[in-house]
Amino acid sequence: MDYKKSKSPVNTVTRDVQELWKDTGNVYESVVIISKRANQISAEIKQDLSKKLAEFASYNDSLEEVFENREQIEISRYYEKLPKPALLATEEFLDGQIYWRDPSKDNVEKN
C-alpha cells in the first residue's frame, strides 16, 4: 500500500465502537487484527526509511566529521508527518481492506 496517498487522518480520531466489531462480532478480536496490521505497517515503513537513510550513511569512525545533510533531514521530517501505523491499520480495517481468518473457527466449521 502506498502510505503517502492514504486518506488516513494524521491525528487521533474518535471511532464508533459499533463499527469496529461489526465485521468480527467481537471488539477485542477487531483490535487484535488492527494491532497486528499496524505492526506490519510499522515494519514496512521502518524498512523503507532505513533503506533511504542508508544512502547517507558514513562509514568513518571519526566523531569530528558529524555534519547535517539537508536531504536526510527532509526525508526524516517527511516520515514523521505520515499518519501513525495504528491509524492506517484502523482505516484499512474499516474500509474492508484487511483479510484475516481465525484458524480455531475454521477447524470447528470443518468438523
Protein backbone atom coordinates (compact mmCIF):
# COMPACT_ATOMS: atom_id res chain seq x y z
CA MET A 1 0.00 0.00 0.00
CA ASP A 2 1.17 3.49 -0.73
CA TYR A 3 1.08 5.22 2.64
CA LYS A 4 1.84 8.57 1.08
CA LYS A 5 -1.52 8.61 -0.70
CA SER A 6 -3.52 7.34 2.26
CA LYS A 7 -6.58 9.26 3.35
CA SER A 8 -6.00 8.37 7.00
CA PRO A 9 -6.06 11.23 9.48
CA VAL A 10 -2.74 12.38 10.91
CA ASN A 11 -4.23 12.96 14.37
CA THR A 12 -6.23 10.70 16.63
CA VAL A 13 -9.89 10.31 15.71
CA THR A 14 -12.72 9.13 17.93
CA ARG A 15 -14.24 5.96 16.47
CA ASP A 16 -17.64 4.38 16.92
CA VAL A 17 -17.13 1.04 18.66
CA GLN A 18 -20.12 -0.40 16.80
CA GLU A 19 -18.23 -0.04 13.52
CA LEU A 20 -15.21 -1.90 14.90
CA TRP A 21 -16.94 -5.10 15.93
CA LYS A 22 -19.44 -5.17 13.06
CA ASP A 23 -17.25 -7.43 10.87
CA THR A 24 -15.85 -9.76 13.52
CA GLY A 25 -18.61 -9.83 16.13
CA ASN A 26 -16.07 -9.09 18.86
CA VAL A 27 -14.43 -5.73 19.58
CA TYR A 28 -11.34 -7.37 21.10
CA GLU A 29 -10.80 -9.54 18.03
CA SER A 30 -11.06 -6.44 15.87
CA VAL A 31 -8.48 -4.63 18.00
CA VAL A 32 -6.08 -7.58 17.71
CA ILE A 33 -6.48 -7.62 13.92
CA ILE A 34 -5.84 -3.88 13.75
CA SER A 35 -2.81 -4.10 16.03
CA LYS A 36 -1.23 -6.91 14.03
CA ARG A 37 -1.73 -4.95 10.81
CA ALA A 38 -0.30 -1.83 12.48
CA ASN A 39 2.83 -3.82 13.39
CA GLN A 40 3.18 -4.93 9.76
CA ILE A 41 2.78 -1.36 8.51
CA SER A 42 5.29 -0.09 11.06
CA ALA A 43 7.86 -2.66 9.95
CA GLU A 44 7.34 -1.73 6.29
CA ILE A 45 7.73 1.99 6.97
CA LYS A 46 10.81 1.40 9.12
CA GLN A 47 12.41 -0.75 6.44
CA ASP A 48 11.65 1.86 3.78
CA LEU A 49 13.09 4.67 5.91
CA SER A 50 16.20 2.67 6.78
CA LYS A 51 16.78 1.92 3.11
CA LYS A 52 16.57 5.60 2.20
CA LEU A 53 18.78 6.73 5.10
CA ALA A 54 21.38 4.06 4.33
CA GLU A 55 22.33 6.06 1.25
CA PHE A 56 23.62 8.81 3.53
CA ALA A 57 25.50 6.52 5.91
CA SER A 58 29.07 7.47 6.62
CA TYR A 59 31.45 4.69 7.50
CA ASN A 60 34.08 6.88 9.16
CA ASP A 61 34.80 6.27 12.81
CA SER A 62 35.66 9.89 13.40
CA LEU A 63 33.20 11.74 15.64
CA GLU A 64 34.52 15.08 14.44
CA GLU A 65 33.04 14.63 10.98
CA VAL A 66 29.40 14.71 12.03
CA PHE A 67 27.53 17.02 9.70
CA GLU A 68 23.94 17.68 8.81
CA ASN A 69 22.66 16.58 5.47
CA ARG A 70 19.62 18.57 4.29
CA GLU A 71 18.20 15.68 2.23
CA GLN A 72 18.45 13.32 5.18
CA ILE A 73 16.64 15.80 7.41
CA GLU A 74 13.88 16.28 4.83
CA ILE A 75 13.38 12.52 4.50
CA SER A 76 13.14 12.16 8.28
CA ARG A 77 10.63 15.01 8.54
CA TYR A 78 8.54 13.52 5.77
CA TYR A 79 8.28 10.18 7.59
CA GLU A 80 7.48 11.92 10.87
CA LYS A 81 4.47 13.60 9.23
CA LEU A 82 2.99 10.36 7.91
CA PRO A 83 -0.08 9.02 9.75
CA LYS A 84 0.74 6.60 12.54
CA PRO A 85 0.55 2.87 11.69
CA ALA A 86 -2.38 2.32 14.07
CA LEU A 87 -4.41 4.99 12.26
CA LEU A 88 -3.54 3.49 8.87
CA ALA A 89 -4.49 0.00 10.05
CA THR A 90 -7.78 1.20 11.54
CA GLU A 91 -8.68 2.94 8.30
CA GLU A 92 -7.83 -0.20 6.31
CA PHE A 93 -9.94 -2.33 8.66
CA LEU A 94 -12.96 -0.06 8.44
CA ASP A 95 -12.67 0.07 4.64
CA GLY A 96 -12.58 -3.73 4.46
CA GLN A 97 -9.07 -3.88 3.01
CA ILE A 98 -7.67 -6.32 5.59
CA TYR A 99 -8.02 -10.08 5.14
CA TRP A 100 -7.98 -12.18 8.29
CA ARG A 101 -9.01 -15.62 9.39
CA ASP A 102 -9.29 -17.47 12.67
CA PRO A 103 -7.84 -20.99 12.42
CA SER A 104 -9.72 -22.15 15.53
CA LYS A 105 -13.06 -21.25 13.93
CA ASP A 106 -12.02 -22.81 10.62
CA ASN A 107 -11.36 -26.18 12.31
CA VAL A 108 -14.71 -26.11 14.13
CA GLU A 109 -16.66 -25.44 10.94
CA LYS A 110 -14.95 -28.25 9.01
CA ASN A 111 -15.72 -30.93 11.63
